[in-house]
Amino acid sequence: MKNSNKTKHKEILSEIHEAISLCEEYCLPIYEQAIYKEISETIIPCLFDARTYIEVGFPHSPSVNLSISEAMFLASDLTDKDPKFSTLLAKLRLIKEHTNSLSNNQGNQSIG
């Protein structure tokens, strides 16, 4: 069971890394300054926050889900303004599903 959770943690960390890379691409000078600010000052820090909790062994912390949810909310706003951000939003939704499944598994283990 623990190996399965470690594998899931690695998968989530890899997905977070991919999302951060997408954000960095969107922060290139060719994009609008307001978008750069929203991504670099809010979305990326949320992803770093979630990543840090997972790396130090607290993947079930409420901060992980809160950070991913905040990043998703902002990415959704960006997607409403410009559909090119839908890739980022899709990646964040996938991360959210995986972090939710970790939380659900943890809850089930503590009950049993």
Protein backbone atom coordinates (compact mmCIF):
# COMPACT_ATOMS: atom_id res chain seq x y z
CA MET A 1 0.00 0.00 0.00
CA LYS A 2 2.78 2.42 0.86
CA ASN A 3 4.55 1.80 -2.47
CA SER A 4 1.29 2.59 -4.25
CA ASN A 5 1.00 5.89 -2.37
CA LYS A 6 4.64 6.76 -3.12
CA THR A 7 4.00 6.09 -6.79
CA LYS A 8 0.93 8.34 -6.68
CA HIS A 9 2.94 11.05 -4.91
CA LYS A 10 5.59 10.87 -7.64
CA GLU A 11 2.91 11.06 -10.34
CA ILE A 12 1.34 14.10 -8.71
CA LEU A 13 4.73 15.77 -8.30
CA SER A 14 5.47 15.11 -11.97
CA GLU A 15 2.11 16.59 -12.98
CA ILE A 16 2.72 19.64 -10.81
CA HIS A 17 6.13 20.05 -12.47
CA GLU A 18 4.44 19.89 -15.89
CA ALA A 19 1.88 22.51 -14.81
CA ILE A 20 4.66 24.80 -13.56
CA SER A 21 6.44 24.37 -16.90
CA LEU A 22 3.24 25.34 -18.72
CA CYS A 23 2.96 28.42 -16.51
CA GLU A 24 6.53 29.37 -17.27
CA GLU A 25 5.83 29.10 -21.00
CA TYR A 26 2.84 31.40 -20.58
CA CYS A 27 5.06 33.88 -18.76
CA LEU A 28 7.25 34.44 -21.81
CA PRO A 29 7.41 38.07 -22.95
CA ILE A 30 5.07 37.42 -25.88
CA TYR A 31 2.07 37.26 -23.54
CA GLU A 32 0.19 40.10 -21.91
CA GLN A 33 1.68 41.61 -18.72
CA ALA A 34 -1.50 41.13 -16.66
CA ILE A 35 -1.52 37.44 -17.51
CA TYR A 36 2.16 37.16 -16.58
CA LYS A 37 1.43 38.77 -13.22
CA GLU A 38 -1.53 36.52 -12.43
CA ILE A 39 0.40 33.39 -13.34
CA SER A 40 3.70 34.29 -11.71
CA GLU A 41 2.29 35.85 -8.54
CA THR A 42 -0.58 33.48 -7.85
CA ILE A 43 -0.78 30.25 -9.82
CA ILE A 44 2.91 29.29 -9.63
CA PRO A 45 3.12 29.97 -5.86
CA CYS A 46 0.00 27.82 -5.33
CA LEU A 47 1.64 24.98 -7.23
CA PHE A 48 4.88 25.37 -5.28
CA ASP A 49 2.89 25.30 -2.04
CA ALA A 50 1.11 22.06 -2.98
CA ARG A 51 4.35 20.52 -4.23
CA THR A 52 6.15 21.36 -0.98
CA TYR A 53 3.50 19.70 1.19
CA ILE A 54 3.65 16.55 -0.94
CA GLU A 55 7.47 16.48 -0.97
CA VAL A 56 7.75 16.73 2.81
CA GLY A 57 5.25 13.93 3.34
CA PHE A 58 1.97 15.74 3.94
CA PRO A 59 0.01 15.05 0.74
CA HIS A 60 -3.26 14.87 2.70
CA SER A 61 -2.89 18.37 4.12
CA PRO A 62 -5.87 20.63 3.39
CA SER A 63 -3.34 23.15 2.05
CA VAL A 64 -2.67 20.89 -0.95
CA ASN A 65 -6.29 20.90 -2.05
CA LEU A 66 -6.75 24.58 -1.24
CA SER A 67 -3.69 25.54 -3.28
CA ILE A 68 -4.71 23.43 -6.27
CA SER A 69 -8.28 24.76 -6.06
CA GLU A 70 -7.05 28.36 -6.04
CA ALA A 71 -4.79 27.69 -9.02
CA MET A 72 -7.72 26.06 -10.85
CA PHE A 73 -9.99 29.01 -10.11
CA LEU A 74 -7.46 31.46 -11.54
CA ALA A 75 -6.69 29.24 -14.53
CA SER A 76 -10.42 29.03 -15.20
CA ASP A 77 -10.61 32.83 -15.27
CA LEU A 78 -7.68 32.94 -17.68
CA THR A 79 -9.33 30.29 -19.86
CA ASP A 80 -12.50 32.38 -19.98
CA LYS A 81 -10.39 35.27 -21.31
CA ASP A 82 -8.33 33.16 -23.69
CA PRO A 83 -8.92 29.48 -24.55
CA LYS A 84 -5.17 28.82 -24.94
CA PHE A 85 -5.06 28.37 -21.14
CA SER A 86 -7.39 25.37 -21.32
CA THR A 87 -4.35 23.05 -21.34
CA LEU A 88 -3.24 24.44 -17.99
CA LEU A 89 -6.75 24.15 -16.58
CA ALA A 90 -7.00 20.53 -17.76
CA LYS A 91 -3.66 19.72 -16.11
CA LEU A 92 -4.79 21.33 -12.85
CA ARG A 93 -8.06 19.37 -12.93
CA LEU A 94 -6.07 16.16 -13.32
CA ILE A 95 -3.85 17.11 -10.38
CA LYS A 96 -6.95 17.92 -8.32
CA GLU A 97 -8.48 14.52 -9.10
CA HIS A 98 -5.30 12.76 -8.04
CA THR A 99 -4.92 14.75 -4.82
CA ASN A 100 -8.59 14.11 -4.02
CA SER A 101 -8.11 10.38 -4.54
CA LEU A 102 -5.13 10.45 -2.16
CA SER A 103 -7.25 12.21 0.45
CA ASN A 104 -10.10 9.75 -0.04
CA ASN A 105 -7.72 6.78 0.30
CA GLN A 106 -6.25 8.28 3.48
CA GLY A 107 -9.74 8.75 4.92
CA ASN A 108 -10.67 5.16 4.10
CA GLN A 109 -7.48 3.84 5.72
CA SER A 110 -8.06 5.77 8.94
CA ILE A 111 -11.65 4.46 9.18
CA GLY A 112 -10.65 0.82 8.67
